[in-house]
Protein backbone atom coordinates (compact mmCIF):
# COMPACT_ATOMS: atom_id res chain seq x y z
CA UNK A 1 -29.38 -16.79 -12.03
CA UNK A 2 -28.09 -16.99 -7.90
CA UNK A 3 -26.38 -13.70 -6.95
CA UNK A 4 -23.23 -13.70 -5.12
CA UNK A 5 -23.86 -12.07 -2.28
CA UNK A 6 -20.25 -11.67 -1.26
CA UNK A 7 -19.27 -9.51 -4.58
CA UNK A 8 -21.92 -7.25 -3.99
CA UNK A 9 -20.68 -3.68 -2.32
CA UNK A 10 -21.22 -2.45 0.76
CA UNK A 11 -20.46 0.57 2.52
CA UNK A 12 -19.04 1.44 6.16
CA UNK A 13 -18.92 4.60 8.14
CA UNK A 14 -16.67 5.27 10.47
CA UNK A 15 -15.69 8.84 12.41
CA UNK A 16 -14.26 10.82 9.22
CA UNK A 17 -15.48 8.75 6.51
CA UNK A 18 -16.32 5.55 4.55
CA UNK A 19 -14.88 2.74 3.23
CA UNK A 20 -17.08 0.78 0.49
CA UNK A 21 -15.94 -2.15 -0.66
CA UNK A 22 -17.11 -5.84 -1.73
CA UNK A 23 -19.08 -7.74 1.15
CA UNK A 24 -16.76 -10.91 0.68
CA UNK A 25 -13.57 -8.63 1.51
CA UNK A 26 -15.25 -7.16 4.77
CA UNK A 27 -15.57 -10.97 5.63
CA UNK A 28 -12.54 -11.84 4.88
CA UNK A 29 -11.05 -9.07 7.05
CA UNK A 30 -13.55 -8.92 9.79
CA UNK A 31 -14.62 -12.15 9.95
CA UNK A 32 -18.03 -14.00 8.48
CA UNK A 33 -20.06 -12.99 12.25
CA UNK A 34 -18.43 -9.88 12.78
CA UNK A 35 -21.28 -7.44 14.50
CA UNK A 36 -19.41 -4.44 12.38
CA UNK A 37 -21.11 -5.72 8.73
CA UNK A 38 -24.53 -5.41 10.02
CA UNK A 39 -25.33 -1.80 9.24
CA UNK A 40 -27.17 0.13 11.62
CA UNK A 41 -28.71 3.37 10.92
CA UNK A 42 -27.48 6.39 12.46
CA UNK A 43 -30.53 8.54 14.02
CA UNK A 44 -30.93 11.79 15.50
CA UNK A 45 -33.32 14.74 15.55
CA UNK A 46 -33.81 17.81 13.34
CA UNK A 47 -35.97 20.90 14.25
CA UNK A 48 -37.84 23.04 11.49
CA UNK A 49 -37.74 26.50 12.29
CA UNK A 50 -41.65 28.16 12.29
CA UNK A 51 -42.00 29.61 8.38
CA UNK A 52 -44.57 31.03 5.91
CA UNK A 53 -45.88 28.53 3.12
CA UNK A 54 -47.53 29.45 0.11
CA UNK A 55 -49.53 26.73 -1.78
CA UNK A 56 -50.45 28.33 -4.61
CA UNK A 57 -48.34 31.34 -6.09
CA UNK A 58 -50.76 34.58 -5.41
CA UNK A 59 -52.47 32.66 -2.86
CA UNK A 60 -52.71 33.24 0.87
CA UNK A 61 -49.74 32.54 2.95
CA UNK A 62 -49.85 29.84 6.18
CA UNK A 63 -48.12 29.72 9.20
CA UNK A 64 -46.42 27.00 9.61
CA UNK A 65 -45.00 26.25 13.74
CA UNK A 66 -41.71 25.05 14.18
CA UNK A 67 -41.35 21.15 15.02
CA UNK A 68 -38.84 18.84 15.32
CA UNK A 69 -39.18 15.09 13.52
CA UNK A 70 -36.97 12.09 14.69
CA UNK A 71 -35.27 10.24 11.29
CA UNK A 72 -32.66 7.08 10.66
CA UNK A 73 -29.78 7.30 7.85
CA UNK A 74 -28.79 4.20 6.66
CA UNK A 75 -24.78 4.54 5.07
CA UNK A 76 -25.16 5.84 1.09
CA UNK A 77 -22.35 6.00 -1.46
CA UNK A 78 -21.95 7.95 -4.35
CA UNK A 79 -22.55 6.63 -7.92
CA UNK A 80 -20.18 8.69 -9.91
CA UNK A 81 -16.42 7.67 -9.87
CA UNK A 82 -14.83 11.10 -9.16
CA UNK A 83 -17.87 11.68 -6.26
CA UNK A 84 -17.37 8.15 -5.34
CA UNK A 85 -14.30 8.47 -3.10
CA UNK A 86 -10.47 7.83 -3.55
CA UNK A 87 -9.82 4.12 -4.95
CA UNK A 88 -6.78 2.36 -2.45
CA UNK A 89 -5.63 -1.18 -2.80
CA UNK A 90 -5.63 -3.16 0.51
CA UNK A 91 -4.06 -6.00 1.56
CA UNK A 92 -4.72 -7.91 4.57
CA UNK A 93 -3.25 -11.18 6.42
CA UNK A 94 -4.71 -14.39 3.92
CA UNK A 95 -6.10 -11.87 1.64
CA UNK A 96 -4.50 -13.33 -1.64
CA UNK A 97 -3.22 -10.27 -3.05
CA UNK A 98 -4.21 -6.45 -3.03
CA UNK A 99 -8.33 -5.76 -3.06
CA UNK A 100 -9.73 -2.03 -4.31
CA UNK A 101 -12.05 -0.33 -2.40
CA UNK A 102 -13.20 3.31 -2.32
CA UNK A 103 -13.03 5.52 0.47
CA UNK A 104 -14.23 9.53 1.45
CA UNK A 105 -12.43 11.22 3.97
CA UNK A 106 -8.85 11.12 5.21
CA UNK A 107 -6.67 8.17 4.97
CA UNK A 108 -6.01 8.97 8.51
CA UNK A 109 -9.24 8.90 9.64
CA UNK A 110 -9.54 5.15 7.79
CA UNK A 111 -6.20 4.22 9.36
CA UNK A 112 -7.55 4.99 12.81
CA UNK A 113 -10.61 3.27 11.84
CA UNK A 114 -8.87 0.06 11.04
CA UNK A 115 -6.71 0.20 14.51
CA UNK A 116 -9.88 0.24 16.22
CA UNK A 117 -11.71 -2.60 14.48
CA UNK A 118 -9.23 -4.78 12.13
CA UNK A 119 -8.54 -8.54 13.66
CA UNK A 120 -5.47 -8.90 11.05
CA UNK A 121 -3.10 -6.66 10.13
CA UNK A 122 -4.26 -4.38 7.23
CA UNK A 123 -2.28 -2.07 4.59
CA UNK A 124 -3.24 0.01 2.17
CA UNK A 125 -2.16 2.58 -0.80
CA UNK A 126 -3.83 5.16 -2.90
CA UNK A 127 -3.45 5.29 -6.61
CA UNK A 128 -0.71 7.31 -6.12
CA UNK A 129 1.10 5.34 -4.40
CA UNK A 130 1.29 6.54 -0.91
CA UNK A 131 1.35 3.62 1.56
CA UNK A 132 -0.07 3.24 4.86
CA UNK A 133 -0.31 0.99 7.98
CA UNK A 134 -0.03 -1.59 8.93
CA UNK A 135 -2.86 -1.22 11.05
CA UNK A 136 -4.68 -4.09 13.70
CA UNK A 137 -6.95 -3.53 16.48
CA UNK A 138 -4.23 -4.63 19.45
CA UNK A 139 -6.06 -5.70 22.95
CA UNK A 140 -3.38 -3.83 25.00
CA UNK A 141 -4.86 -5.39 28.63
CA UNK A 142 -3.84 -9.07 27.43
CA UNK A 143 -0.08 -7.64 27.08
CA UNK A 144 2.50 -8.19 29.91
CA UNK A 145 3.04 -5.48 32.08
CA UNK A 146 6.69 -4.78 33.59
């Protein structure tokens, strides 16, 4: 049985939140070859402070020196309905109607994200009916100057 790749969900992280929807929706909005759909992990370094460790209860303690380690974190999403974020209904040029997505973080951060990357005009509304948009990336360098 073949799996429809475009029906699978993916999460895109942006400053202030994330959006989870079907891969096909993101391809329709951002384009098939959009580098945005290639998920790169966030990388960083974490430090561990010096501490004492007891391997067996009542056993001797050993000292653990402070150290740093590097990590990679790929986008994740919560599985629970409430923890999965706020449901929104998105519509964009040539989307053939509204599509659902889940958003974590404020809606203003999602609007900023769409203004930075959306090549098509996109609008969305929350389940409560609050409407946002349209948002679209505009290349100001091609606008005529007066």
